[in-house]
């Protein structure tokens, strides 16, 4: 072929390959998930929530310190701060109040809700209150809270099977746009049909157990 010969036509990649590449670009990689789950808790909670001298000092989260919660369906947890060692762990029928910071792994750790954004008339953050075993809250949060003591903070990675199964399960972001983005990602029919269900609904929550009432 000389310098004036026409160049061979460029070939487009197969449509299926393009779809797979675009699909994989939107999925959280293992490295991304580990980075998100190991990010510093000081960015998630006000300093007052971590400064109490009544408990052990906060740990620096590392992926190697995560542990599997028994009978949780695959929820993994990290103790960021130990709670009251002499206190009881919540059980079915107990009313608990928690603060949380929720992120969606499929959106590179996008924060979809935080109780520290929910303020009362005095400007103080309002914790999320629910009854253990009521079935109103996603199973992954219940599983985590049942292993905690008042004052403790857990970081939990919740697989889709223990996260949102419908749009009525709590906690529900009060902001319409956050709520819409969360649910249209998790329940996207096209992406679910493409086999992305095992990653779309992976959640990362930082949870502080504020109070317990039996």
C-alpha atoms as a PDB file:
ATOM      1  CA  UNK A   1       0.000   0.000   0.000  1.00  0.00           C
ATOM      2  CA  UNK A   2       1.482   3.371  -1.030  1.00  0.00           C
ATOM      3  CA  UNK A   3       0.974   6.714   0.689  1.00  0.00           C
ATOM      4  CA  UNK A   4      -1.946   7.561  -1.605  1.00  0.00           C
ATOM      5  CA  UNK A   5      -3.860   4.329  -1.097  1.00  0.00           C
ATOM      6  CA  UNK A   6      -7.169   4.807   0.683  1.00  0.00           C
ATOM      7  CA  UNK A   7      -7.147   3.860   4.338  1.00  0.00           C
ATOM      8  CA  UNK A   8      -9.216   0.834   5.305  1.00  0.00           C
ATOM      9  CA  UNK A   9     -12.570   1.771   6.817  1.00  0.00           C
ATOM     10  CA  UNK A  10     -12.727   1.980  10.588  1.00  0.00           C
ATOM     11  CA  UNK A  11     -14.744  -0.778  12.170  1.00  0.00           C
ATOM     12  CA  UNK A  12     -17.084   0.016  15.026  1.00  0.00           C
ATOM     13  CA  UNK A  13     -16.987  -2.368  17.965  1.00  0.00           C
ATOM     14  CA  UNK A  14     -19.931  -4.757  18.245  1.00  0.00           C
ATOM     15  CA  UNK A  15     -22.991  -3.199  19.852  1.00  0.00           C
ATOM     16  CA  UNK A  16     -22.937  -5.777  22.640  1.00  0.00           C
ATOM     17  CA  UNK A  17     -19.331  -4.919  23.484  1.00  0.00           C
ATOM     18  CA  UNK A  18     -20.165  -1.214  23.589  1.00  0.00           C
ATOM     19  CA  UNK A  19     -23.113  -1.847  25.873  1.00  0.00           C
ATOM     20  CA  UNK A  20     -21.039  -3.975  28.207  1.00  0.00           C
ATOM     21  CA  UNK A  21     -18.273  -1.380  28.332  1.00  0.00           C
ATOM     22  CA  UNK A  22     -20.729   1.429  29.102  1.00  0.00           C
ATOM     23  CA  UNK A  23     -22.508  -0.705  31.643  1.00  0.00           C
ATOM     24  CA  UNK A  24     -19.301  -1.646  33.441  1.00  0.00           C
ATOM     25  CA  UNK A  25     -18.232   1.993  33.518  1.00  0.00           C
ATOM     26  CA  UNK A  26     -21.243   2.746  35.721  1.00  0.00           C
ATOM     27  CA  UNK A  27     -20.667  -0.102  38.162  1.00  0.00           C
ATOM     28  CA  UNK A  28     -18.663   0.360  41.347  1.00  0.00           C
ATOM     29  CA  UNK A  29     -15.367  -1.486  41.130  1.00  0.00           C
ATOM     30  CA  UNK A  30     -14.045  -3.467  44.079  1.00  0.00           C
ATOM     31  CA  UNK A  31     -11.419  -0.763  44.607  1.00  0.00           C
ATOM     32  CA  UNK A  32     -14.095   1.950  44.584  1.00  0.00           C
ATOM     33  CA  UNK A  33     -16.220   0.070  47.093  1.00  0.00           C
ATOM     34  CA  UNK A  34     -13.272  -0.467  49.415  1.00  0.00           C
ATOM     35  CA  UNK A  35     -12.320   3.204  49.143  1.00  0.00           C
ATOM     36  CA  UNK A  36     -15.852   4.327  49.950  1.00  0.00           C
ATOM     37  CA  UNK A  37     -16.224   1.940  52.864  1.00  0.00           C
ATOM     38  CA  UNK A  38     -12.861   3.032  54.298  1.00  0.00           C
ATOM     39  CA  UNK A  39     -13.369   6.802  54.002  1.00  0.00           C
ATOM     40  CA  UNK A  40     -12.909   8.765  57.250  1.00  0.00           C
ATOM     41  CA  UNK A  41     -15.996   8.963  59.485  1.00  0.00           C
ATOM     42  CA  UNK A  42     -15.079  12.520  60.494  1.00  0.00           C
ATOM     43  CA  UNK A  43     -16.424  13.635  57.125  1.00  0.00           C
ATOM     44  CA  UNK A  44     -19.775  12.039  57.839  1.00  0.00           C
ATOM     45  CA  UNK A  45     -20.685  13.059  61.364  1.00  0.00           C
ATOM     46  CA  UNK A  46     -20.313  16.419  63.128  1.00  0.00           C
ATOM     47  CA  UNK A  47     -17.310  16.551  65.421  1.00  0.00           C
ATOM     48  CA  UNK A  48     -19.633  16.553  68.441  1.00  0.00           C
ATOM     49  CA  UNK A  49     -20.826  13.074  67.509  1.00  0.00           C
ATOM     50  CA  UNK A  50     -17.304  11.704  67.667  1.00  0.00           C
ATOM     51  CA  UNK A  51     -15.787  13.739  70.483  1.00  0.00           C
ATOM     52  CA  UNK A  52     -17.400  12.051  73.479  1.00  0.00           C
ATOM     53  CA  UNK A  53     -14.811  10.927  76.016  1.00  0.00           C
ATOM     54  CA  UNK A  54     -17.198   8.325  77.456  1.00  0.00           C
ATOM     55  CA  UNK A  55     -16.339   5.857  74.721  1.00  0.00           C
ATOM     56  CA  UNK A  56     -13.270   4.531  72.980  1.00  0.00           C
ATOM     57  CA  UNK A  57     -11.714   6.990  70.499  1.00  0.00           C
ATOM     58  CA  UNK A  58     -12.802   6.642  66.870  1.00  0.00           C
ATOM     59  CA  UNK A  59     -10.913   4.141  64.778  1.00  0.00           C
ATOM     60  CA  UNK A  60      -9.438   4.841  61.378  1.00  0.00           C
ATOM     61  CA  UNK A  61     -11.515   2.516  59.193  1.00  0.00           C
ATOM     62  CA  UNK A  62      -9.665   0.008  57.056  1.00  0.00           C
ATOM     63  CA  UNK A  63     -11.212  -2.670  54.885  1.00  0.00           C
ATOM     64  CA  UNK A  64      -9.422  -5.411  56.846  1.00  0.00           C
ATOM     65  CA  UNK A  65     -11.330  -4.543  60.037  1.00  0.00           C
ATOM     66  CA  UNK A  66     -14.771  -5.146  58.536  1.00  0.00           C
ATOM     67  CA  UNK A  67     -16.608  -8.214  59.773  1.00  0.00           C
ATOM     68  CA  UNK A  68     -19.660 -10.143  58.607  1.00  0.00           C
ATOM     69  CA  UNK A  69     -22.790  -9.767  60.706  1.00  0.00           C
ATOM     70  CA  UNK A  70     -24.194 -13.183  61.536  1.00  0.00           C
ATOM     71  CA  UNK A  71     -27.540 -14.107  59.976  1.00  0.00           C
ATOM     72  CA  UNK A  72     -27.662 -10.749  58.187  1.00  0.00           C
ATOM     73  CA  UNK A  73     -27.746 -11.899  54.584  1.00  0.00           C
ATOM     74  CA  UNK A  74     -24.292 -10.551  53.796  1.00  0.00           C
ATOM     75  CA  UNK A  75     -24.153  -7.234  55.669  1.00  0.00           C
ATOM     76  CA  UNK A  76     -20.602  -6.235  56.627  1.00  0.00           C
ATOM     77  CA  UNK A  77     -19.832  -3.858  59.482  1.00  0.00           C
ATOM     78  CA  UNK A  78     -17.020  -1.824  60.955  1.00  0.00           C
ATOM     79  CA  UNK A  79     -16.929  -0.493  64.516  1.00  0.00           C
ATOM     80  CA  UNK A  80     -16.053   3.180  64.245  1.00  0.00           C
ATOM     81  CA  UNK A  81     -16.856   3.807  67.897  1.00  0.00           C
ATOM     82  CA  UNK A  82     -17.799   1.388  70.649  1.00  0.00           C
ATOM     83  CA  UNK A  83     -21.019   2.083  72.513  1.00  0.00           C
ATOM     84  CA  UNK A  84     -21.857   1.736  76.196  1.00  0.00           C
ATOM     85  CA  UNK A  85     -20.241  -1.546  77.192  1.00  0.00           C
ATOM     86  CA  UNK A  86     -22.752  -2.042  80.000  1.00  0.00           C
ATOM     87  CA  UNK A  87     -25.786  -1.356  77.859  1.00  0.00           C
ATOM     88  CA  UNK A  88     -28.114  -3.726  76.088  1.00  0.00           C
ATOM     89  CA  UNK A  89     -28.284  -4.335  72.366  1.00  0.00           C
ATOM     90  CA  UNK A  90     -31.676  -3.665  70.756  1.00  0.00           C
ATOM     91  CA  UNK A  91     -34.032  -6.561  70.114  1.00  0.00           C
ATOM     92  CA  UNK A  92     -37.393  -7.021  68.404  1.00  0.00           C
ATOM     93  CA  UNK A  93     -40.016  -4.670  69.808  1.00  0.00           C
ATOM     94  CA  UNK A  94     -37.527  -2.066  71.048  1.00  0.00           C
ATOM     95  CA  UNK A  95     -37.812   1.522  69.837  1.00  0.00           C
ATOM     96  CA  UNK A  96     -34.503   2.988  68.717  1.00  0.00           C
ATOM     97  CA  UNK A  97     -33.337   6.380  67.523  1.00  0.00           C
ATOM     98  CA  UNK A  98     -30.395   6.578  65.141  1.00  0.00           C
ATOM     99  CA  UNK A  99     -28.457   9.125  63.174  1.00  0.00           C
ATOM    100  CA  UNK A 100     -27.283   7.941  59.791  1.00  0.00           C
ATOM    101  CA  UNK A 101     -25.448   9.009  56.654  1.00  0.00           C
ATOM    102  CA  UNK A 102     -26.436   6.969  53.614  1.00  0.00           C
ATOM    103  CA  UNK A 103     -24.514   6.568  50.362  1.00  0.00           C
ATOM    104  CA  UNK A 104     -25.095   4.665  47.136  1.00  0.00           C
ATOM    105  CA  UNK A 105     -22.117   2.668  45.878  1.00  0.00           C
ATOM    106  CA  UNK A 106     -23.381   2.570  42.277  1.00  0.00           C
ATOM    107  CA  UNK A 107     -23.142   6.376  42.174  1.00  0.00           C
ATOM    108  CA  UNK A 108     -19.540   6.455  43.431  1.00  0.00           C
ATOM    109  CA  UNK A 109     -20.599   7.082  47.005  1.00  0.00           C
ATOM    110  CA  UNK A 110     -23.269   9.693  46.323  1.00  0.00           C
ATOM    111  CA  UNK A 111     -24.908  10.803  49.576  1.00  0.00           C
ATOM    112  CA  UNK A 112     -28.641  10.322  49.215  1.00  0.00           C
ATOM    113  CA  UNK A 113     -29.698  11.153  52.772  1.00  0.00           C
ATOM    114  CA  UNK A 114     -28.460  12.114  56.233  1.00  0.00           C
ATOM    115  CA  UNK A 115     -30.387  12.711  59.434  1.00  0.00           C
ATOM    116  CA  UNK A 116     -28.055  15.624  60.124  1.00  0.00           C
ATOM    117  CA  UNK A 117     -29.891  17.386  57.290  1.00  0.00           C
ATOM    118  CA  UNK A 118     -33.241  16.845  59.050  1.00  0.00           C
ATOM    119  CA  UNK A 119     -33.616  19.784  61.444  1.00  0.00           C
ATOM    120  CA  UNK A 120     -36.287  20.674  63.998  1.00  0.00           C
ATOM    121  CA  UNK A 121     -37.565  24.189  64.694  1.00  0.00           C
ATOM    122  CA  UNK A 122     -34.501  24.925  66.830  1.00  0.00           C
ATOM    123  CA  UNK A 123     -32.088  23.823  64.111  1.00  0.00           C
ATOM    124  CA  UNK A 124     -31.024  20.614  65.850  1.00  0.00           C
ATOM    125  CA  UNK A 125     -30.753  17.412  63.790  1.00  0.00           C
ATOM    126  CA  UNK A 126     -33.649  14.994  64.212  1.00  0.00           C
ATOM    127  CA  UNK A 127     -32.757  11.299  64.576  1.00  0.00           C
ATOM    128  CA  UNK A 128     -34.639   8.578  62.749  1.00  0.00           C
ATOM    129  CA  UNK A 129     -36.912   6.580  65.081  1.00  0.00           C
ATOM    130  CA  UNK A 130     -38.267   3.106  64.381  1.00  0.00           C
ATOM    131  CA  UNK A 131     -39.236  -0.144  66.097  1.00  0.00           C
ATOM    132  CA  UNK A 132     -36.966  -3.151  65.644  1.00  0.00           C
ATOM    133  CA  UNK A 133     -38.805  -5.975  63.910  1.00  0.00           C
ATOM    134  CA  UNK A 134     -41.590  -3.785  62.528  1.00  0.00           C
ATOM    135  CA  UNK A 135     -40.600  -4.590  58.949  1.00  0.00           C
ATOM    136  CA  UNK A 136     -40.755  -0.931  57.932  1.00  0.00           C
ATOM    137  CA  UNK A 137     -36.976  -0.461  57.703  1.00  0.00           C
ATOM    138  CA  UNK A 138     -34.585  -2.104  55.250  1.00  0.00           C
ATOM    139  CA  UNK A 139     -33.233  -5.342  56.774  1.00  0.00           C
ATOM    140  CA  UNK A 140     -29.578  -4.293  56.574  1.00  0.00           C
ATOM    141  CA  UNK A 141     -30.072  -1.379  58.957  1.00  0.00           C
ATOM    142  CA  UNK A 142     -32.016  -3.514  61.431  1.00  0.00           C
ATOM    143  CA  UNK A 143     -29.320  -6.195  61.352  1.00  0.00           C
ATOM    144  CA  UNK A 144     -26.636  -3.613  62.092  1.00  0.00           C
ATOM    145  CA  UNK A 145     -28.508  -1.791  64.859  1.00  0.00           C
ATOM    146  CA  UNK A 146     -29.238  -5.062  66.673  1.00  0.00           C
ATOM    147  CA  UNK A 147     -25.479  -5.512  67.186  1.00  0.00           C
ATOM    148  CA  UNK A 148     -24.896  -2.017  68.600  1.00  0.00           C
ATOM    149  CA  UNK A 149     -24.972  -0.299  71.978  1.00  0.00           C
ATOM    150  CA  UNK A 150     -26.129   3.258  72.658  1.00  0.00           C
ATOM    151  CA  UNK A 151     -23.401   5.711  71.686  1.00  0.00           C
ATOM    152  CA  UNK A 152     -21.785   3.367  69.190  1.00  0.00           C
ATOM    153  CA  UNK A 153     -21.170   4.083  65.530  1.00  0.00           C
ATOM    154  CA  UNK A 154     -21.085   1.405  62.836  1.00  0.00           C
ATOM    155  CA  UNK A 155     -20.238   1.668  59.181  1.00  0.00           C
ATOM    156  CA  UNK A 156     -22.148  -0.980  57.261  1.00  0.00           C
ATOM    157  CA  UNK A 157     -22.029  -2.175  53.665  1.00  0.00           C
ATOM    158  CA  UNK A 158     -25.478  -3.483  52.762  1.00  0.00           C
ATOM    159  CA  UNK A 159     -25.919  -5.760  49.728  1.00  0.00           C
ATOM    160  CA  UNK A 160     -28.977  -5.223  47.502  1.00  0.00           C
ATOM    161  CA  UNK A 161     -30.807  -8.217  48.988  1.00  0.00           C
ATOM    162  CA  UNK A 162     -30.795  -6.497  52.394  1.00  0.00           C
ATOM    163  CA  UNK A 163     -31.440  -3.004  51.081  1.00  0.00           C
ATOM    164  CA  UNK A 164     -34.407  -1.405  49.364  1.00  0.00           C
ATOM    165  CA  UNK A 165     -36.850  -3.891  47.850  1.00  0.00           C
ATOM    166  CA  UNK A 166     -39.543  -1.285  47.203  1.00  0.00           C
ATOM    167  CA  UNK A 167     -40.032   2.480  47.469  1.00  0.00           C
ATOM    168  CA  UNK A 168     -41.972   2.347  50.733  1.00  0.00           C
ATOM    169  CA  UNK A 169     -39.213   0.878  52.901  1.00  0.00           C
ATOM    170  CA  UNK A 170     -37.573   3.303  55.294  1.00  0.00           C
ATOM    171  CA  UNK A 171     -35.526   5.367  55.670  1.00  0.00           C
ATOM    172  CA  UNK A 172     -36.916   7.377  52.757  1.00  0.00           C
ATOM    173  CA  UNK A 173     -35.053  10.546  51.708  1.00  0.00           C
ATOM    174  CA  UNK A 174     -37.413  13.500  52.305  1.00  0.00           C
ATOM    175  CA  UNK A 175     -35.958  15.439  49.392  1.00  0.00           C
ATOM    176  CA  UNK A 176     -37.854  14.579  46.194  1.00  0.00           C
ATOM    177  CA  UNK A 177     -34.842  14.761  43.883  1.00  0.00           C
ATOM    178  CA  UNK A 178     -32.663  12.619  46.161  1.00  0.00           C
ATOM    179  CA  UNK A 179     -35.490  10.118  46.514  1.00  0.00           C
ATOM    180  CA  UNK A 180     -36.088  10.006  42.772  1.00  0.00           C
ATOM    181  CA  UNK A 181     -32.412   9.552  41.947  1.00  0.00           C
ATOM    182  CA  UNK A 182     -32.018   6.816  44.556  1.00  0.00           C
ATOM    183  CA  UNK A 183     -34.973   4.742  43.425  1.00  0.00           C
ATOM    184  CA  UNK A 184     -34.532   5.258  39.685  1.00  0.00           C
ATOM    185  CA  UNK A 185     -30.993   3.930  40.086  1.00  0.00           C
ATOM    186  CA  UNK A 186     -31.829   0.931  42.268  1.00  0.00           C
ATOM    187  CA  UNK A 187     -34.958  -0.060  40.339  1.00  0.00           C
ATOM    188  CA  UNK A 188     -33.816   0.898  36.835  1.00  0.00           C
ATOM    189  CA  UNK A 189     -35.552  -1.776  34.690  1.00  0.00           C
ATOM    190  CA  UNK A 190     -33.069  -1.589  31.823  1.00  0.00           C
ATOM    191  CA  UNK A 191     -30.030  -2.010  34.036  1.00  0.00           C
ATOM    192  CA  UNK A 192     -31.717  -4.736  36.056  1.00  0.00           C
ATOM    193  CA  UNK A 193     -32.453  -6.580  32.804  1.00  0.00           C
ATOM    194  CA  UNK A 194     -28.761  -6.250  31.932  1.00  0.00           C
ATOM    195  CA  UNK A 195     -27.838  -8.171  35.068  1.00  0.00           C
ATOM    196  CA  UNK A 196     -26.721  -5.253  37.242  1.00  0.00           C
ATOM    197  CA  UNK A 197     -29.050  -6.036  40.140  1.00  0.00           C
ATOM    198  CA  UNK A 198     -26.214  -7.384  42.274  1.00  0.00           C
ATOM    199  CA  UNK A 199     -24.549  -3.969  42.383  1.00  0.00           C
ATOM    200  CA  UNK A 200     -27.171  -1.277  41.783  1.00  0.00           C
ATOM    201  CA  UNK A 201     -28.602  -1.373  45.296  1.00  0.00           C
ATOM    202  CA  UNK A 202     -25.408  -1.695  47.358  1.00  0.00           C
ATOM    203  CA  UNK A 203     -25.617   0.831  50.205  1.00  0.00           C
ATOM    204  CA  UNK A 204     -23.078   2.227  52.656  1.00  0.00           C
ATOM    205  CA  UNK A 205     -24.452   3.589  55.924  1.00  0.00           C
ATOM    206  CA  UNK A 206     -22.746   5.215  58.885  1.00  0.00           C
ATOM    207  CA  UNK A 207     -25.103   4.622  61.814  1.00  0.00           C
ATOM    208  CA  UNK A 208     -25.010   6.059  65.331  1.00  0.00           C
ATOM    209  CA  UNK A 209     -27.322   4.502  67.916  1.00  0.00           C
ATOM    210  CA  UNK A 210     -28.622   7.498  69.863  1.00  0.00           C
ATOM    211  CA  UNK A 211     -31.173   5.911  72.195  1.00  0.00           C
ATOM    212  CA  UNK A 212     -32.962   2.680  73.016  1.00  0.00           C
ATOM    213  CA  UNK A 213     -36.333   2.198  74.678  1.00  0.00           C
ATOM    214  CA  UNK A 214     -37.487  -1.325  75.447  1.00  0.00           C
END
